[in-house]
Amino acid sequence: MFLGHYTHSIDDKGRLTIPAKFRVELAAGAVVSCGFDRQLNLYTIGTFERLAQKVQALSITRPEIRALSRLLFASASDVILDKSNRINIPSSLRSYAGLESEAVVVGAGDHAEVWSPSGWQEKFGGVSDFAANAERFAELDLGVWSG
């Protein structure tokens, strides 16, 4: 499971160091793809294959399914950890996410997200209001928190 958040530099060749806690899960390779909030999603091969199967089982006659397929698959790139525990993020994906010399790598449960520092600050700021969260998430039936 991917947990926590970490800030790492991106070198001039587009290589990002992967946090130590994520390296074992990503050692066999990974897939990086565009996310929905101008961040990148970093999946294990198995997680990406399960996601791909779900998307491919949906009807391509629906425009939103075609759009989802394009976003997910056209931007996807296989990546592997090098000897220095870095992945090379393609320039098109770095541009999409606004990544320059630094990135915030965020655990998101079954995958990791890669954000520009300003993008993460903006997005996380929107969910760090605890009073608003209690109301916003009340309908989600997160039974693990109840009695």
C-alpha atoms as a PDB file:
ATOM      1  CA  MET A   1       0.000   0.000   0.000  1.00  0.00           C
ATOM      2  CA  PHE A   2       1.283   3.462  -0.886  1.00  0.00           C
ATOM      3  CA  LEU A   3       1.187   5.811   2.125  1.00  0.00           C
ATOM      4  CA  GLY A   4       2.693   9.189   3.017  1.00  0.00           C
ATOM      5  CA  HIS A   5       4.095  12.027   0.938  1.00  0.00           C
ATOM      6  CA  TYR A   6       7.663  12.847   0.019  1.00  0.00           C
ATOM      7  CA  THR A   7       9.412  15.644  -1.841  1.00  0.00           C
ATOM      8  CA  HIS A   8      12.145  14.661  -4.297  1.00  0.00           C
ATOM      9  CA  SER A   9      14.104  16.448  -6.993  1.00  0.00           C
ATOM     10  CA  ILE A  10      13.768  15.805 -10.711  1.00  0.00           C
ATOM     11  CA  ASP A  11      17.026  16.025 -12.615  1.00  0.00           C
ATOM     12  CA  ASP A  12      17.470  17.691 -16.003  1.00  0.00           C
ATOM     13  CA  LYS A  13      16.901  14.331 -17.754  1.00  0.00           C
ATOM     14  CA  GLY A  14      13.486  13.918 -16.116  1.00  0.00           C
ATOM     15  CA  ARG A  15      14.518  11.310 -13.560  1.00  0.00           C
ATOM     16  CA  LEU A  16      12.626  11.229 -10.260  1.00  0.00           C
ATOM     17  CA  THR A  17      13.878   9.386  -7.194  1.00  0.00           C
ATOM     18  CA  ILE A  18      11.232   7.041  -5.822  1.00  0.00           C
ATOM     19  CA  PRO A  19      10.692   7.139  -2.038  1.00  0.00           C
ATOM     20  CA  ALA A  20      12.297   4.198  -0.237  1.00  0.00           C
ATOM     21  CA  LYS A  21       8.926   2.997   1.088  1.00  0.00           C
ATOM     22  CA  PHE A  22       7.599   2.585  -2.479  1.00  0.00           C
ATOM     23  CA  ARG A  23      10.586   0.856  -4.069  1.00  0.00           C
ATOM     24  CA  VAL A  24       9.749  -2.765  -3.231  1.00  0.00           C
ATOM     25  CA  GLU A  25       6.265  -2.484  -4.753  1.00  0.00           C
ATOM     26  CA  LEU A  26       7.645  -0.828  -7.891  1.00  0.00           C
ATOM     27  CA  ALA A  27      10.758  -3.000  -8.276  1.00  0.00           C
ATOM     28  CA  ALA A  28       9.156  -5.181 -10.990  1.00  0.00           C
ATOM     29  CA  GLY A  29       8.260  -2.106 -13.045  1.00  0.00           C
ATOM     30  CA  ALA A  30       5.466   0.403 -13.098  1.00  0.00           C
ATOM     31  CA  VAL A  31       3.218   2.467 -15.323  1.00  0.00           C
ATOM     32  CA  VAL A  32       2.961   6.240 -15.099  1.00  0.00           C
ATOM     33  CA  SER A  33      -0.076   7.969 -16.618  1.00  0.00           C
ATOM     34  CA  CYS A  34      -2.008  11.248 -16.493  1.00  0.00           C
ATOM     35  CA  GLY A  35      -4.286  11.667 -13.497  1.00  0.00           C
ATOM     36  CA  PHE A  36      -7.555  13.570 -13.318  1.00  0.00           C
ATOM     37  CA  ASP A  37      -6.214  16.577 -11.372  1.00  0.00           C
ATOM     38  CA  ARG A  38      -3.106  17.502 -13.411  1.00  0.00           C
ATOM     39  CA  GLN A  39      -1.028  15.038 -11.441  1.00  0.00           C
ATOM     40  CA  LEU A  40       0.525  11.790 -12.578  1.00  0.00           C
ATOM     41  CA  ASN A  41      -0.541   8.378 -11.331  1.00  0.00           C
ATOM     42  CA  LEU A  42       2.102   5.742 -10.727  1.00  0.00           C
ATOM     43  CA  TYR A  43       0.779   2.180 -10.722  1.00  0.00           C
ATOM     44  CA  THR A  44       2.315  -1.216 -10.156  1.00  0.00           C
ATOM     45  CA  ILE A  45       2.034  -3.365 -13.282  1.00  0.00           C
ATOM     46  CA  GLY A  46      -0.674  -5.499 -11.626  1.00  0.00           C
ATOM     47  CA  THR A  47      -2.774  -2.538 -10.530  1.00  0.00           C
ATOM     48  CA  PHE A  48      -2.567  -0.949 -13.974  1.00  0.00           C
ATOM     49  CA  GLU A  49      -3.572  -4.225 -15.640  1.00  0.00           C
ATOM     50  CA  ARG A  50      -6.643  -4.509 -13.363  1.00  0.00           C
ATOM     51  CA  LEU A  51      -7.574  -0.897 -14.098  1.00  0.00           C
ATOM     52  CA  ALA A  52      -7.111  -1.468 -17.846  1.00  0.00           C
ATOM     53  CA  GLN A  53      -9.365  -4.531 -17.739  1.00  0.00           C
ATOM     54  CA  LYS A  54     -12.102  -2.524 -16.015  1.00  0.00           C
ATOM     55  CA  VAL A  55     -11.873   0.311 -18.540  1.00  0.00           C
ATOM     56  CA  GLN A  56     -11.781  -2.058 -21.519  1.00  0.00           C
ATOM     57  CA  ALA A  57     -14.913  -3.833 -20.243  1.00  0.00           C
ATOM     58  CA  LEU A  58     -16.897  -0.576 -20.512  1.00  0.00           C
ATOM     59  CA  SER A  59     -18.855   0.338 -23.629  1.00  0.00           C
ATOM     60  CA  ILE A  60     -16.829   2.348 -26.160  1.00  0.00           C
ATOM     61  CA  THR A  61     -20.091   3.726 -27.542  1.00  0.00           C
ATOM     62  CA  ARG A  62     -20.155   6.170 -24.607  1.00  0.00           C
ATOM     63  CA  PRO A  63     -18.108   9.337 -25.269  1.00  0.00           C
ATOM     64  CA  GLU A  64     -16.901   9.602 -21.677  1.00  0.00           C
ATOM     65  CA  ILE A  65     -15.519   6.049 -21.821  1.00  0.00           C
ATOM     66  CA  ARG A  66     -13.592   6.870 -24.994  1.00  0.00           C
ATOM     67  CA  ALA A  67     -12.243  10.004 -23.311  1.00  0.00           C
ATOM     68  CA  LEU A  68     -11.196   7.996 -20.250  1.00  0.00           C
ATOM     69  CA  SER A  69      -9.451   5.416 -22.447  1.00  0.00           C
ATOM     70  CA  ARG A  70      -7.540   8.126 -24.275  1.00  0.00           C
ATOM     71  CA  LEU A  71      -6.489   9.852 -21.069  1.00  0.00           C
ATOM     72  CA  LEU A  72      -5.386   6.615 -19.443  1.00  0.00           C
ATOM     73  CA  PHE A  73      -3.746   4.734 -22.317  1.00  0.00           C
ATOM     74  CA  ALA A  74      -2.394   7.449 -24.624  1.00  0.00           C
ATOM     75  CA  SER A  75      -0.451   9.031 -21.807  1.00  0.00           C
ATOM     76  CA  ALA A  76       0.710   5.784 -20.180  1.00  0.00           C
ATOM     77  CA  SER A  77       4.378   4.892 -20.144  1.00  0.00           C
ATOM     78  CA  ASP A  78       6.178   1.862 -18.739  1.00  0.00           C
ATOM     79  CA  VAL A  79       8.906   2.854 -16.299  1.00  0.00           C
ATOM     80  CA  ILE A  80      11.523   0.912 -14.387  1.00  0.00           C
ATOM     81  CA  LEU A  81      13.661   1.806 -11.422  1.00  0.00           C
ATOM     82  CA  ASP A  82      17.285   2.390 -12.354  1.00  0.00           C
ATOM     83  CA  LYS A  83      20.224   1.506 -10.078  1.00  0.00           C
ATOM     84  CA  SER A  84      19.727   4.804  -8.256  1.00  0.00           C
ATOM     85  CA  ASN A  85      16.016   4.057  -7.613  1.00  0.00           C
ATOM     86  CA  ARG A  86      14.810   6.654 -10.106  1.00  0.00           C
ATOM     87  CA  ILE A  87      12.235   6.518 -12.870  1.00  0.00           C
ATOM     88  CA  ASN A  88      12.431   8.542 -16.054  1.00  0.00           C
ATOM     89  CA  ILE A  89       9.233  10.519 -16.547  1.00  0.00           C
ATOM     90  CA  PRO A  90       8.600  11.373 -20.222  1.00  0.00           C
ATOM     91  CA  SER A  91       8.654  15.087 -21.005  1.00  0.00           C
ATOM     92  CA  SER A  92       5.003  15.075 -22.143  1.00  0.00           C
ATOM     93  CA  LEU A  93       3.925  13.802 -18.730  1.00  0.00           C
ATOM     94  CA  ARG A  94       6.179  16.282 -16.910  1.00  0.00           C
ATOM     95  CA  SER A  95       4.581  19.072 -18.925  1.00  0.00           C
ATOM     96  CA  TYR A  96       1.053  17.817 -18.192  1.00  0.00           C
ATOM     97  CA  ALA A  97       1.712  17.829 -14.437  1.00  0.00           C
ATOM     98  CA  GLY A  98       3.771  21.037 -14.411  1.00  0.00           C
ATOM     99  CA  LEU A  99       6.818  19.207 -13.062  1.00  0.00           C
ATOM    100  CA  GLU A 100      10.122  21.017 -13.186  1.00  0.00           C
ATOM    101  CA  SER A 101      12.933  20.487 -10.688  1.00  0.00           C
ATOM    102  CA  GLU A 102      10.920  19.055  -7.814  1.00  0.00           C
ATOM    103  CA  ALA A 103       7.973  16.718  -7.265  1.00  0.00           C
ATOM    104  CA  VAL A 104       5.811  15.592  -4.381  1.00  0.00           C
ATOM    105  CA  VAL A 105       5.229  11.829  -4.436  1.00  0.00           C
ATOM    106  CA  VAL A 106       2.024  10.997  -2.582  1.00  0.00           C
ATOM    107  CA  GLY A 107       0.696   7.647  -1.433  1.00  0.00           C
ATOM    108  CA  ALA A 108      -2.885   7.081  -2.591  1.00  0.00           C
ATOM    109  CA  GLY A 109      -3.522   3.541  -1.387  1.00  0.00           C
ATOM    110  CA  ASP A 110      -3.276   1.279  -4.420  1.00  0.00           C
ATOM    111  CA  HIS A 111      -1.113   3.720  -6.390  1.00  0.00           C
ATOM    112  CA  ALA A 112       1.107   6.759  -5.924  1.00  0.00           C
ATOM    113  CA  GLU A 113       0.572  10.243  -7.299  1.00  0.00           C
ATOM    114  CA  VAL A 114       3.250  12.621  -8.538  1.00  0.00           C
ATOM    115  CA  TRP A 115       2.457  16.322  -8.138  1.00  0.00           C
ATOM    116  CA  SER A 116       4.178  19.607  -8.748  1.00  0.00           C
ATOM    117  CA  PRO A 117       4.784  21.216  -5.342  1.00  0.00           C
ATOM    118  CA  SER A 118       2.335  24.038  -6.118  1.00  0.00           C
ATOM    119  CA  GLY A 119      -0.294  21.623  -7.449  1.00  0.00           C
ATOM    120  CA  TRP A 120      -0.046  19.492  -4.305  1.00  0.00           C
ATOM    121  CA  GLN A 121      -0.223  22.555  -2.063  1.00  0.00           C
ATOM    122  CA  GLU A 122      -3.364  23.722  -3.833  1.00  0.00           C
ATOM    123  CA  LYS A 123      -5.049  20.293  -3.899  1.00  0.00           C
ATOM    124  CA  PHE A 124      -4.137  19.291  -0.355  1.00  0.00           C
ATOM    125  CA  GLY A 125      -5.173  22.711   0.921  1.00  0.00           C
ATOM    126  CA  GLY A 126      -8.657  21.963  -0.412  1.00  0.00           C
ATOM    127  CA  VAL A 127      -8.999  18.885   1.792  1.00  0.00           C
ATOM    128  CA  SER A 128      -7.240  20.021   4.944  1.00  0.00           C
ATOM    129  CA  ASP A 129     -10.257  21.830   6.445  1.00  0.00           C
ATOM    130  CA  PHE A 130     -11.267  19.264   9.056  1.00  0.00           C
ATOM    131  CA  ALA A 131     -14.696  20.767   9.806  1.00  0.00           C
ATOM    132  CA  ALA A 132     -15.567  20.850   6.100  1.00  0.00           C
ATOM    133  CA  ASN A 133     -14.300  17.276   5.685  1.00  0.00           C
ATOM    134  CA  ALA A 134     -16.619  15.968   8.387  1.00  0.00           C
ATOM    135  CA  GLU A 135     -19.573  17.299   6.399  1.00  0.00           C
ATOM    136  CA  ARG A 136     -18.167  16.515   2.936  1.00  0.00           C
ATOM    137  CA  PHE A 137     -17.420  12.864   3.696  1.00  0.00           C
ATOM    138  CA  ALA A 138     -20.404  12.120   5.959  1.00  0.00           C
ATOM    139  CA  GLU A 139     -22.356  10.327   3.226  1.00  0.00           C
ATOM    140  CA  LEU A 140     -19.528   7.943   2.267  1.00  0.00           C
ATOM    141  CA  ASP A 141     -20.342   5.310   4.912  1.00  0.00           C
ATOM    142  CA  LEU A 142     -16.799   4.803   6.090  1.00  0.00           C
ATOM    143  CA  GLY A 143     -17.978   2.153   8.534  1.00  0.00           C
ATOM    144  CA  VAL A 144     -14.509   1.514   9.892  1.00  0.00           C
ATOM    145  CA  TRP A 145     -14.868   4.763  11.836  1.00  0.00           C
ATOM    146  CA  SER A 146     -18.238   3.963  13.349  1.00  0.00           C
ATOM    147  CA  GLY A 147     -18.669   2.332  16.776  1.00  0.00           C
END
